[in-house]
Amino acid sequence: MIASLRGTVQEKGLEEVIIDVGGVGYRVFLSSLSLGRLPAEGEAVQVRIRTVVREDAFELFGFMSRMEEELFLMLNSVSHVGPRLALAVLSGMEVPELVAALGRGEVARLTKIHGVGKKTAERLVLELKEKVKTLHLEQVATQMQPEAPASKNLADLISALVNLGYKVPQAEKAAASASERLGEEAAFQALFREALKMLRATP
């Protein structure tokens, strides 16, 4: 199985990136947070890979760190949580924050992630509350603030939009509009989706 890919960013989408490795383009699905951290198209990149094989699909899931990959495997091990939902959960919070939320049993906070209902959040906590401690992230997670500062969220949002190919002025305007509409304390994922919606609606 493929363990990692090193190549050039050929094309980026909302949920995936195509990485050119020696003339072969690999479609890799990543969390929205990891997608936002990818270099620009045409630049070199390396990602960790997990291959998921089903009767009707052969999919590659990518991660920017070993910790993100390990948490993905834990999430995917939970009953009724497939790889796509596991990736959606990773899109909702930074890894240390997610580990902290699971370790503390913060069901309400987990339900704020797009696609995660109360039953799923309760199942995640029930099955992973103790397991996440093996990631050795508890100390890091507890030192973090519950929410990233608003200014950091906006900076990360602008960076993510620029990495998708938008010009800096466009990204800054969309980020500011999304923040104004949803509030500065909104989650990164919500701001990201709102900004993209605005950019697509702009002629």
N, C-alpha and C. Protein backbone atom coordinates (compact mmCIF):
# COMPACT_ATOMS: atom_id res chain seq x y z
N MET A 1 0.83 -1.20 0.00
CA MET A 1 0.00 0.00 0.00
C MET A 1 0.87 1.26 0.00
N ILE A 2 0.33 2.33 -0.53
CA ILE A 2 1.04 3.60 -0.57
C ILE A 2 1.09 4.20 0.83
N ALA A 3 2.28 4.56 1.28
CA ALA A 3 2.44 5.14 2.61
C ALA A 3 2.61 6.65 2.56
N SER A 4 3.18 7.17 1.48
CA SER A 4 3.37 8.61 1.34
C SER A 4 3.56 8.95 -0.13
N LEU A 5 3.33 10.22 -0.46
CA LEU A 5 3.54 10.69 -1.82
C LEU A 5 4.37 11.97 -1.77
N ARG A 6 5.36 12.06 -2.65
CA ARG A 6 6.14 13.28 -2.77
C ARG A 6 6.13 13.67 -4.24
N GLY A 7 5.64 14.86 -4.51
CA GLY A 7 5.55 15.30 -5.89
C GLY A 7 5.23 16.78 -5.98
N THR A 8 4.46 17.14 -6.99
CA THR A 8 4.10 18.54 -7.24
C THR A 8 2.59 18.71 -7.17
N VAL A 9 2.16 19.78 -6.55
CA VAL A 9 0.72 20.08 -6.51
C VAL A 9 0.27 20.45 -7.91
N GLN A 10 -0.57 19.60 -8.49
CA GLN A 10 -1.05 19.85 -9.85
C GLN A 10 -2.35 20.64 -9.86
N GLU A 11 -3.24 20.28 -8.96
CA GLU A 11 -4.56 20.94 -8.94
C GLU A 11 -5.18 20.76 -7.56
N LYS A 12 -5.83 21.81 -7.07
CA LYS A 12 -6.49 21.73 -5.76
C LYS A 12 -7.98 21.98 -5.90
N GLY A 13 -8.76 21.19 -5.15
CA GLY A 13 -10.21 21.37 -5.13
C GLY A 13 -10.66 21.65 -3.72
N LEU A 14 -11.96 21.53 -3.48
CA LEU A 14 -12.51 21.79 -2.15
C LEU A 14 -12.24 20.65 -1.18
N GLU A 15 -12.11 19.43 -1.71
CA GLU A 15 -11.94 18.27 -0.84
C GLU A 15 -10.69 17.46 -1.17
N GLU A 16 -10.07 17.73 -2.31
CA GLU A 16 -8.96 16.90 -2.72
C GLU A 16 -7.88 17.70 -3.43
N VAL A 17 -6.74 17.05 -3.59
CA VAL A 17 -5.63 17.63 -4.35
C VAL A 17 -5.12 16.56 -5.30
N ILE A 18 -4.68 16.98 -6.47
CA ILE A 18 -4.04 16.05 -7.39
C ILE A 18 -2.54 16.30 -7.30
N ILE A 19 -1.81 15.26 -6.94
CA ILE A 19 -0.36 15.36 -6.79
C ILE A 19 0.31 14.62 -7.95
N ASP A 20 1.12 15.35 -8.69
CA ASP A 20 1.85 14.77 -9.81
C ASP A 20 3.15 14.14 -9.31
N VAL A 21 3.25 12.83 -9.47
CA VAL A 21 4.46 12.11 -9.08
C VAL A 21 5.03 11.42 -10.32
N GLY A 22 6.06 12.00 -10.89
CA GLY A 22 6.67 11.40 -12.07
C GLY A 22 5.74 11.29 -13.25
N GLY A 23 4.85 12.26 -13.42
CA GLY A 23 3.93 12.24 -14.56
C GLY A 23 2.61 11.54 -14.29
N VAL A 24 2.45 10.95 -13.11
CA VAL A 24 1.20 10.29 -12.73
C VAL A 24 0.48 11.15 -11.69
N GLY A 25 -0.77 11.47 -11.96
CA GLY A 25 -1.54 12.31 -11.03
C GLY A 25 -2.33 11.48 -10.05
N TYR A 26 -2.06 11.64 -8.77
CA TYR A 26 -2.80 10.93 -7.72
C TYR A 26 -3.82 11.86 -7.09
N ARG A 27 -5.08 11.43 -7.06
CA ARG A 27 -6.12 12.21 -6.40
C ARG A 27 -6.13 11.83 -4.92
N VAL A 28 -5.91 12.81 -4.05
CA VAL A 28 -5.80 12.56 -2.62
C VAL A 28 -6.81 13.43 -1.87
N PHE A 29 -7.60 12.82 -1.02
CA PHE A 29 -8.58 13.55 -0.22
C PHE A 29 -7.93 13.99 1.10
N LEU A 30 -8.12 15.26 1.46
CA LEU A 30 -7.57 15.80 2.70
C LEU A 30 -8.64 16.57 3.45
N SER A 31 -8.39 16.81 4.75
CA SER A 31 -9.28 17.67 5.51
C SER A 31 -9.15 19.10 4.98
N SER A 32 -10.17 19.92 5.20
CA SER A 32 -10.10 21.30 4.70
C SER A 32 -8.97 22.08 5.37
N LEU A 33 -8.64 21.72 6.61
CA LEU A 33 -7.54 22.39 7.30
C LEU A 33 -6.21 22.06 6.64
N SER A 34 -6.01 20.79 6.28
CA SER A 34 -4.77 20.39 5.61
C SER A 34 -4.70 20.96 4.20
N LEU A 35 -5.84 21.00 3.51
CA LEU A 35 -5.86 21.59 2.17
C LEU A 35 -5.41 23.05 2.22
N GLY A 36 -5.82 23.74 3.27
CA GLY A 36 -5.45 25.14 3.41
C GLY A 36 -3.97 25.34 3.65
N ARG A 37 -3.28 24.29 4.08
CA ARG A 37 -1.85 24.40 4.38
C ARG A 37 -0.97 23.92 3.22
N LEU A 38 -1.59 23.40 2.18
CA LEU A 38 -0.80 22.92 1.05
C LEU A 38 -0.12 24.08 0.33
N PRO A 39 1.04 23.83 -0.26
CA PRO A 39 1.68 24.88 -1.05
C PRO A 39 0.87 25.17 -2.31
N ALA A 40 1.23 26.21 -3.02
CA ALA A 40 0.51 26.61 -4.23
C ALA A 40 0.71 25.58 -5.34
N GLU A 41 -0.19 25.62 -6.33
CA GLU A 41 -0.06 24.72 -7.47
C GLU A 41 1.28 24.93 -8.16
N GLY A 42 1.92 23.82 -8.52
CA GLY A 42 3.21 23.88 -9.15
C GLY A 42 4.37 23.73 -8.19
N GLU A 43 4.07 23.77 -6.88
CA GLU A 43 5.13 23.65 -5.87
C GLU A 43 5.21 22.22 -5.33
N ALA A 44 6.34 21.91 -4.73
CA ALA A 44 6.59 20.56 -4.20
C ALA A 44 5.78 20.32 -2.93
N VAL A 45 5.38 19.07 -2.73
CA VAL A 45 4.61 18.72 -1.55
C VAL A 45 4.87 17.25 -1.19
N GLN A 46 4.72 16.93 0.09
CA GLN A 46 4.79 15.55 0.55
C GLN A 46 3.69 15.33 1.56
N VAL A 47 2.92 14.27 1.39
CA VAL A 47 1.84 13.97 2.32
C VAL A 47 1.89 12.49 2.71
N ARG A 48 1.45 12.19 3.91
CA ARG A 48 1.30 10.81 4.36
C ARG A 48 0.00 10.28 3.75
N ILE A 49 -0.05 9.00 3.46
CA ILE A 49 -1.19 8.42 2.75
C ILE A 49 -1.76 7.19 3.45
N ARG A 50 -3.07 7.10 3.43
CA ARG A 50 -3.78 5.88 3.83
C ARG A 50 -4.67 5.50 2.66
N THR A 51 -4.57 4.26 2.22
CA THR A 51 -5.34 3.78 1.09
C THR A 51 -6.57 3.02 1.59
N VAL A 52 -7.73 3.37 1.05
CA VAL A 52 -8.98 2.70 1.42
C VAL A 52 -9.51 2.01 0.17
N VAL A 53 -9.60 0.70 0.23
CA VAL A 53 -10.06 -0.09 -0.92
C VAL A 53 -11.43 -0.68 -0.62
N ARG A 54 -12.38 -0.40 -1.52
CA ARG A 54 -13.71 -0.99 -1.42
C ARG A 54 -14.03 -1.65 -2.75
N GLU A 55 -15.16 -2.33 -2.82
CA GLU A 55 -15.53 -3.01 -4.06
C GLU A 55 -15.67 -2.02 -5.21
N ASP A 56 -16.16 -0.81 -4.89
CA ASP A 56 -16.44 0.16 -5.95
C ASP A 56 -15.49 1.36 -5.95
N ALA A 57 -14.45 1.32 -5.13
CA ALA A 57 -13.57 2.49 -5.06
C ALA A 57 -12.19 2.13 -4.52
N PHE A 58 -11.22 2.94 -4.95
CA PHE A 58 -9.84 2.83 -4.48
C PHE A 58 -9.43 4.28 -4.20
N GLU A 59 -9.45 4.67 -2.93
CA GLU A 59 -9.27 6.08 -2.59
C GLU A 59 -8.04 6.30 -1.70
N LEU A 60 -7.40 7.45 -1.91
CA LEU A 60 -6.24 7.83 -1.13
C LEU A 60 -6.62 9.00 -0.22
N PHE A 61 -6.29 8.87 1.05
CA PHE A 61 -6.54 9.93 2.02
C PHE A 61 -5.19 10.43 2.53
N GLY A 62 -5.01 11.74 2.50
CA GLY A 62 -3.72 12.32 2.84
C GLY A 62 -3.71 13.11 4.14
N PHE A 63 -2.53 13.22 4.73
CA PHE A 63 -2.37 13.89 6.02
C PHE A 63 -1.05 14.64 6.06
N MET A 64 -1.06 15.79 6.71
CA MET A 64 0.13 16.62 6.79
C MET A 64 1.02 16.24 7.96
N SER A 65 0.51 15.39 8.87
CA SER A 65 1.31 14.98 10.03
C SER A 65 0.94 13.57 10.44
N ARG A 66 1.84 12.94 11.18
CA ARG A 66 1.59 11.59 11.68
C ARG A 66 0.43 11.60 12.68
N MET A 67 0.35 12.65 13.48
CA MET A 67 -0.73 12.72 14.49
C MET A 67 -2.09 12.79 13.83
N GLU A 68 -2.19 13.56 12.74
CA GLU A 68 -3.47 13.65 12.03
C GLU A 68 -3.84 12.29 11.45
N GLU A 69 -2.86 11.58 10.91
CA GLU A 69 -3.11 10.26 10.35
C GLU A 69 -3.58 9.28 11.42
N GLU A 70 -2.95 9.30 12.58
CA GLU A 70 -3.32 8.38 13.65
C GLU A 70 -4.73 8.67 14.16
N LEU A 71 -5.07 9.94 14.24
CA LEU A 71 -6.41 10.29 14.71
C LEU A 71 -7.46 9.89 13.67
N PHE A 72 -7.11 10.03 12.39
CA PHE A 72 -8.01 9.57 11.32
C PHE A 72 -8.32 8.08 11.48
N LEU A 73 -7.30 7.28 11.75
CA LEU A 73 -7.49 5.83 11.91
C LEU A 73 -8.39 5.53 13.11
N MET A 74 -8.21 6.30 14.19
CA MET A 74 -9.06 6.11 15.36
C MET A 74 -10.51 6.46 15.04
N LEU A 75 -10.70 7.59 14.37
CA LEU A 75 -12.06 8.02 14.01
C LEU A 75 -12.72 7.00 13.10
N ASN A 76 -11.96 6.50 12.15
CA ASN A 76 -12.48 5.53 11.19
C ASN A 76 -12.80 4.19 11.82
N SER A 77 -12.23 3.93 13.00
CA SER A 77 -12.50 2.67 13.69
C SER A 77 -13.82 2.68 14.44
N VAL A 78 -14.38 3.88 14.62
CA VAL A 78 -15.66 4.01 15.34
C VAL A 78 -16.79 3.49 14.47
N SER A 79 -17.71 2.77 15.07
CA SER A 79 -18.83 2.21 14.30
C SER A 79 -19.61 3.30 13.59
N HIS A 80 -19.95 3.05 12.34
CA HIS A 80 -20.72 3.96 11.49
C HIS A 80 -19.96 5.23 11.11
N VAL A 81 -18.65 5.24 11.29
CA VAL A 81 -17.85 6.39 10.87
C VAL A 81 -16.89 5.92 9.77
N GLY A 82 -17.21 6.28 8.53
CA GLY A 82 -16.37 5.91 7.41
C GLY A 82 -15.25 6.92 7.21
N PRO A 83 -14.38 6.68 6.23
CA PRO A 83 -13.25 7.58 6.00
C PRO A 83 -13.66 9.01 5.66
N ARG A 84 -14.74 9.19 4.90
CA ARG A 84 -15.16 10.54 4.53
C ARG A 84 -15.64 11.32 5.76
N LEU A 85 -16.41 10.65 6.63
CA LEU A 85 -16.87 11.33 7.83
C LEU A 85 -15.70 11.60 8.76
N ALA A 86 -14.76 10.66 8.84
CA ALA A 86 -13.57 10.88 9.67
C ALA A 86 -12.81 12.11 9.20
N LEU A 87 -12.73 12.29 7.88
CA LEU A 87 -12.05 13.46 7.32
C LEU A 87 -12.83 14.74 7.62
N ALA A 88 -14.17 14.63 7.60
CA ALA A 88 -15.00 15.79 7.93
C ALA A 88 -14.79 16.23 9.38
N VAL A 89 -14.64 15.26 10.26
CA VAL A 89 -14.39 15.57 11.67
C VAL A 89 -13.04 16.28 11.81
N LEU A 90 -12.04 15.81 11.08
CA LEU A 90 -10.71 16.44 11.12
C LEU A 90 -10.74 17.84 10.52
N SER A 91 -11.74 18.09 9.66
CA SER A 91 -11.86 19.42 9.06
C SER A 91 -12.44 20.43 10.04
N GLY A 92 -13.10 19.92 11.08
CA GLY A 92 -13.79 20.80 12.00
C GLY A 92 -12.95 21.40 13.11
N MET A 93 -11.83 20.76 13.44
CA MET A 93 -10.97 21.25 14.53
C MET A 93 -9.53 20.88 14.26
N GLU A 94 -8.63 21.69 14.80
CA GLU A 94 -7.21 21.31 14.76
C GLU A 94 -7.04 20.04 15.60
N VAL A 95 -6.06 19.21 15.24
CA VAL A 95 -5.88 17.91 15.90
C VAL A 95 -5.79 18.02 17.43
N PRO A 96 -4.96 18.90 18.00
CA PRO A 96 -4.90 18.96 19.47
C PRO A 96 -6.23 19.35 20.11
N GLU A 97 -6.97 20.26 19.45
CA GLU A 97 -8.27 20.66 19.97
C GLU A 97 -9.26 19.49 19.93
N LEU A 98 -9.21 18.73 18.85
CA LEU A 98 -10.12 17.59 18.70
C LEU A 98 -9.81 16.52 19.73
N VAL A 99 -8.54 16.27 19.95
CA VAL A 99 -8.13 15.30 20.96
C VAL A 99 -8.63 15.73 22.33
N ALA A 100 -8.50 17.02 22.62
CA ALA A 100 -8.95 17.54 23.92
C ALA A 100 -10.46 17.39 24.06
N ALA A 101 -11.20 17.71 23.00
CA ALA A 101 -12.66 17.62 23.04
C ALA A 101 -13.11 16.18 23.25
N LEU A 102 -12.46 15.24 22.58
CA LEU A 102 -12.80 13.82 22.75
C LEU A 102 -12.43 13.33 24.14
N GLY A 103 -11.26 13.72 24.61
CA GLY A 103 -10.79 13.29 25.92
C GLY A 103 -11.64 13.82 27.06
N ARG A 104 -12.23 14.99 26.85
CA ARG A 104 -13.06 15.60 27.90
C ARG A 104 -14.54 15.27 27.73
N GLY A 105 -14.85 14.55 26.67
CA GLY A 105 -16.25 14.18 26.44
C GLY A 105 -17.14 15.34 26.07
N GLU A 106 -16.61 16.29 25.32
CA GLU A 106 -17.36 17.51 24.97
C GLU A 106 -18.27 17.26 23.77
N VAL A 107 -19.37 16.58 24.01
CA VAL A 107 -20.31 16.21 22.95
C VAL A 107 -20.86 17.45 22.25
N ALA A 108 -21.26 18.45 23.01
CA ALA A 108 -21.85 19.65 22.43
C ALA A 108 -20.89 20.34 21.46
N ARG A 109 -19.62 20.37 21.82
CA ARG A 109 -18.63 21.01 20.95
C ARG A 109 -18.43 20.21 19.67
N LEU A 110 -18.45 18.89 19.78
CA LEU A 110 -18.27 18.04 18.61
C LEU A 110 -19.43 18.17 17.63
N THR A 111 -20.63 18.41 18.14
CA THR A 111 -21.79 18.53 17.25
C THR A 111 -21.74 19.81 16.42
N LYS A 112 -20.85 20.73 16.75
CA LYS A 112 -20.70 21.94 15.94
C LYS A 112 -19.96 21.67 14.64
N ILE A 113 -19.34 20.49 14.54
CA ILE A 113 -18.63 20.12 13.32
C ILE A 113 -19.64 19.72 12.26
N HIS A 114 -19.47 20.23 11.07
CA HIS A 114 -20.40 19.95 9.97
C HIS A 114 -20.49 18.44 9.72
N GLY A 115 -21.71 17.90 9.74
CA GLY A 115 -21.92 16.48 9.47
C GLY A 115 -21.93 15.59 10.70
N VAL A 116 -21.67 16.17 11.87
CA VAL A 116 -21.64 15.38 13.11
C VAL A 116 -22.87 15.70 13.95
N GLY A 117 -23.77 14.72 14.06
CA GLY A 117 -24.96 14.88 14.89
C GLY A 117 -24.67 14.45 16.32
N LYS A 118 -25.68 14.57 17.17
CA LYS A 118 -25.50 14.26 18.59
C LYS A 118 -25.15 12.78 18.79
N LYS A 119 -25.83 11.88 18.09
CA LYS A 119 -25.56 10.45 18.26
C LYS A 119 -24.14 10.10 17.84
N THR A 120 -23.71 10.69 16.73
CA THR A 120 -22.35 10.42 16.27
C THR A 120 -21.33 10.96 17.25
N ALA A 121 -21.58 12.18 17.76
CA ALA A 121 -20.67 12.79 18.73
C ALA A 121 -20.58 11.94 19.99
N GLU A 122 -21.71 11.43 20.46
CA GLU A 122 -21.73 10.58 21.66
C GLU A 122 -20.96 9.28 21.40
N ARG A 123 -21.11 8.74 20.20
CA ARG A 123 -20.41 7.50 19.85
C ARG A 123 -18.89 7.74 19.80
N LEU A 124 -18.50 8.88 19.24
CA LEU A 124 -17.07 9.22 19.16
C LEU A 124 -16.46 9.31 20.56
N VAL A 125 -17.17 9.98 21.45
CA VAL A 125 -16.68 10.13 22.82
C VAL A 125 -16.62 8.78 23.53
N LEU A 126 -17.68 8.00 23.38
CA LEU A 126 -17.75 6.69 24.05
C LEU A 126 -16.60 5.78 23.64
N GLU A 127 -16.31 5.74 22.33
CA GLU A 127 -15.32 4.80 21.83
C GLU A 127 -13.89 5.34 21.82
N LEU A 128 -13.73 6.68 21.88
CA LEU A 128 -12.38 7.24 21.74
C LEU A 128 -11.86 8.01 22.95
N LYS A 129 -12.70 8.21 23.95
CA LYS A 129 -12.28 9.03 25.09
C LYS A 129 -10.98 8.56 25.71
N GLU A 130 -10.83 7.26 25.85
CA GLU A 130 -9.60 6.72 26.44
C GLU A 130 -8.52 6.50 25.39
N LYS A 131 -8.93 6.11 24.19
CA LYS A 131 -7.96 5.79 23.14
C LYS A 131 -7.12 7.00 22.74
N VAL A 132 -7.73 8.19 22.72
CA VAL A 132 -6.98 9.36 22.24
C VAL A 132 -5.79 9.68 23.14
N LYS A 133 -5.83 9.20 24.36
CA LYS A 133 -4.71 9.48 25.26
C LYS A 133 -3.43 8.82 24.79
N THR A 134 -3.55 7.80 23.95
CA THR A 134 -2.36 7.13 23.43
C THR A 134 -1.64 7.98 22.39
N LEU A 135 -2.26 9.05 21.94
CA LEU A 135 -1.62 9.92 20.95
C LEU A 135 -0.58 10.82 21.59
N HIS A 136 -0.53 10.82 22.92
CA HIS A 136 0.43 11.64 23.66
C HIS A 136 0.26 13.13 23.35
N LEU A 137 -1.00 13.52 23.15
CA LEU A 137 -1.26 14.92 22.81
C LEU A 137 -1.98 15.65 23.94
N GLU A 138 -2.35 14.94 24.98
CA GLU A 138 -3.14 15.57 26.03
C GLU A 138 -2.46 16.81 26.61
N GLN A 139 -1.16 16.72 26.84
CA GLN A 139 -0.46 17.86 27.42
C GLN A 139 -0.49 19.05 26.47
N VAL A 140 -0.27 18.78 25.18
CA VAL A 140 -0.31 19.86 24.19
C VAL A 140 -1.72 20.42 24.10
N ALA A 141 -2.71 19.52 24.07
CA ALA A 141 -4.09 19.95 23.89
C ALA A 141 -4.58 20.80 25.06
N THR A 142 -4.24 20.42 26.27
CA THR A 142 -4.74 21.16 27.42
C THR A 142 -4.08 22.52 27.55
N GLN A 143 -2.94 22.70 26.90
CA GLN A 143 -2.28 23.99 26.95
C GLN A 143 -2.85 24.97 25.94
N MET A 144 -3.63 24.45 24.99
CA MET A 144 -4.20 25.31 23.96
C MET A 144 -5.45 25.99 24.46
N GLN A 145 -5.75 27.15 23.90
CA GLN A 145 -7.00 27.83 24.20
C GLN A 145 -8.13 27.05 23.56
N PRO A 146 -9.34 27.06 24.13
CA PRO A 146 -10.46 26.32 23.55
C PRO A 146 -10.73 26.70 22.10
N GLU A 147 -10.54 27.95 21.75
CA GLU A 147 -10.76 28.40 20.39
C GLU A 147 -9.55 29.19 19.93
N ALA A 148 -9.22 29.06 18.66
CA ALA A 148 -8.10 29.84 18.13
C ALA A 148 -8.48 31.31 18.11
N PRO A 149 -7.54 32.22 18.33
CA PRO A 149 -7.86 33.63 18.28
C PRO A 149 -8.47 34.00 16.94
N ALA A 150 -9.39 34.95 16.94
CA ALA A 150 -10.08 35.34 15.72
C ALA A 150 -9.10 35.80 14.65
N SER A 151 -8.07 36.55 15.07
CA SER A 151 -7.10 37.05 14.10
C SER A 151 -6.36 35.91 13.42
N LYS A 152 -6.06 34.84 14.16
CA LYS A 152 -5.39 33.68 13.57
C LYS A 152 -6.32 32.97 12.61
N ASN A 153 -7.60 32.85 12.99
CA ASN A 153 -8.57 32.21 12.11
C ASN A 153 -8.64 32.93 10.77
N LEU A 154 -8.67 34.27 10.81
CA LEU A 154 -8.76 35.05 9.58
C LEU A 154 -7.48 34.92 8.76
N ALA A 155 -6.35 34.93 9.42
CA ALA A 155 -5.08 34.78 8.71
C ALA A 155 -4.99 33.42 8.03
N ASP A 156 -5.42 32.37 8.75
CA ASP A 156 -5.41 31.03 8.18
C ASP A 156 -6.39 30.94 7.01
N LEU A 157 -7.55 31.62 7.15
CA LEU A 157 -8.57 31.60 6.10
C LEU A 157 -8.03 32.26 4.83
N ILE A 158 -7.42 33.42 4.98
CA ILE A 158 -6.85 34.13 3.82
C ILE A 158 -5.78 33.27 3.15
N SER A 159 -4.94 32.64 3.96
CA SER A 159 -3.89 31.77 3.42
C SER A 159 -4.48 30.59 2.66
N ALA A 160 -5.55 30.00 3.21
CA ALA A 160 -6.20 28.85 2.55
C ALA A 160 -6.80 29.26 1.21
N LEU A 161 -7.41 30.43 1.16
CA LEU A 161 -8.03 30.90 -0.09
C LEU A 161 -6.98 31.23 -1.14
N VAL A 162 -5.89 31.83 -0.72
CA VAL A 162 -4.80 32.14 -1.65
C VAL A 162 -4.21 30.85 -2.20
N ASN A 163 -4.09 29.84 -1.35
CA ASN A 163 -3.55 28.55 -1.79
C ASN A 163 -4.47 27.85 -2.79
N LEU A 164 -5.75 28.22 -2.78
CA LEU A 164 -6.70 27.67 -3.75
C LEU A 164 -6.64 28.41 -5.07
N GLY A 165 -5.85 29.48 -5.13
CA GLY A 165 -5.67 30.19 -6.39
C GLY A 165 -6.26 31.58 -6.46
N TYR A 166 -6.92 32.03 -5.38
CA TYR A 166 -7.51 33.37 -5.38
C TYR A 166 -6.43 34.42 -5.08
N LYS A 167 -6.63 35.62 -5.62
CA LYS A 167 -5.70 36.71 -5.38
C LYS A 167 -5.85 37.19 -3.93
N VAL A 168 -4.76 37.75 -3.39
CA VAL A 168 -4.77 38.20 -2.00
C VAL A 168 -5.90 39.19 -1.72
N PRO A 169 -6.12 40.21 -2.56
CA PRO A 169 -7.23 41.15 -2.28
C PRO A 169 -8.59 40.45 -2.25
N GLN A 170 -8.79 39.49 -3.17
CA GLN A 170 -10.05 38.73 -3.19
C GLN A 170 -10.21 37.94 -1.90
N ALA A 171 -9.13 37.26 -1.50
CA ALA A 171 -9.17 36.43 -0.29
C ALA A 171 -9.44 37.28 0.94
N GLU A 172 -8.77 38.42 1.04
CA GLU A 172 -8.96 39.30 2.20
C GLU A 172 -10.39 39.82 2.27
N LYS A 173 -10.94 40.21 1.12
CA LYS A 173 -12.31 40.73 1.09
C LYS A 173 -13.32 39.65 1.47
N ALA A 174 -13.13 38.44 0.93
CA ALA A 174 -14.05 37.34 1.23
C ALA A 174 -13.95 36.93 2.70
N ALA A 175 -12.72 36.91 3.23
CA ALA A 175 -12.53 36.55 4.64
C ALA A 175 -13.19 37.56 5.56
N ALA A 176 -13.04 38.84 5.23
CA ALA A 176 -13.63 39.89 6.04
C ALA A 176 -15.16 39.81 5.99
N SER A 177 -15.70 39.55 4.81
CA SER A 177 -17.16 39.45 4.66
C SER A 177 -17.71 38.24 5.42
N ALA A 178 -17.00 37.12 5.32
CA ALA A 178 -17.44 35.91 6.03
C ALA A 178 -17.40 36.13 7.53
N SER A 179 -16.36 36.79 8.01
CA SER A 179 -16.23 37.08 9.44
C SER A 179 -17.33 38.01 9.90
N GLU A 180 -17.66 38.99 9.07
CA GLU A 180 -18.72 39.94 9.43
C GLU A 180 -20.08 39.26 9.48
N ARG A 181 -20.30 38.33 8.54
CA ARG A 181 -21.60 37.66 8.47
C ARG A 181 -21.77 36.61 9.58
N LEU A 182 -20.71 35.84 9.85
CA LEU A 182 -20.83 34.73 10.81
C LEU A 182 -20.32 35.09 12.21
N GLY A 183 -19.55 36.17 12.29
CA GLY A 183 -18.96 36.54 13.58
C GLY A 183 -17.52 36.08 13.66
N GLU A 184 -16.68 36.85 14.32
CA GLU A 184 -15.26 36.55 14.39
C GLU A 184 -14.95 35.26 15.13
N GLU A 185 -15.86 34.83 15.99
CA GLU A 185 -15.60 33.62 16.78
C GLU A 185 -16.08 32.36 16.09
N ALA A 186 -16.58 32.48 14.85
CA ALA A 186 -17.05 31.30 14.12
C ALA A 186 -15.90 30.34 13.86
N ALA A 187 -16.22 29.06 13.72
CA ALA A 187 -15.20 28.04 13.46
C ALA A 187 -14.57 28.26 12.09
N PHE A 188 -13.32 27.86 11.95
CA PHE A 188 -12.59 28.04 10.69
C PHE A 188 -13.36 27.43 9.52
N GLN A 189 -13.88 26.22 9.71
CA GLN A 189 -14.55 25.53 8.61
C GLN A 189 -15.76 26.32 8.12
N ALA A 190 -16.53 26.87 9.06
CA ALA A 190 -17.71 27.65 8.68
C ALA A 190 -17.30 28.91 7.92
N LEU A 191 -16.26 29.58 8.39
CA LEU A 191 -15.76 30.78 7.71
C LEU A 191 -15.25 30.43 6.31
N PHE A 192 -14.57 29.30 6.21
CA PHE A 192 -14.01 28.84 4.94
C PHE A 192 -15.11 28.61 3.91
N ARG A 193 -16.17 27.92 4.32
CA ARG A 193 -17.28 27.63 3.42
C ARG A 193 -18.00 28.92 3.01
N GLU A 194 -18.20 29.82 3.96
CA GLU A 194 -18.89 31.07 3.67
C GLU A 194 -18.07 31.93 2.71
N ALA A 195 -16.77 31.99 2.91
CA ALA A 195 -15.90 32.79 2.03
C ALA A 195 -15.92 32.23 0.62
N LEU A 196 -15.86 30.90 0.48
CA LEU A 196 -15.91 30.27 -0.83
C LEU A 196 -17.23 30.54 -1.53
N LYS A 197 -18.31 30.52 -0.77
CA LYS A 197 -19.62 30.79 -1.34
C LYS A 197 -19.66 32.20 -1.92
N MET A 198 -19.10 33.15 -1.20
CA MET A 198 -19.06 34.53 -1.67
C MET A 198 -18.19 34.68 -2.92
N LEU A 199 -17.05 34.04 -2.93
CA LEU A 199 -16.14 34.14 -4.07
C LEU A 199 -16.77 33.54 -5.33
N ARG A 200 -17.48 32.45 -5.17
CA ARG A 200 -18.11 31.83 -6.32
C ARG A 200 -19.27 32.64 -6.86
N ALA A 201 -19.91 33.40 -5.96
CA ALA A 201 -21.05 34.22 -6.39
C ALA A 201 -20.60 35.52 -7.04
N THR A 202 -19.32 35.85 -6.87
CA THR A 202 -18.81 37.09 -7.46
C THR A 202 -18.50 36.88 -8.94
N PRO A 203 -19.05 37.75 -9.82
CA PRO A 203 -18.81 37.59 -11.26
C PRO A 203 -17.33 37.68 -11.59
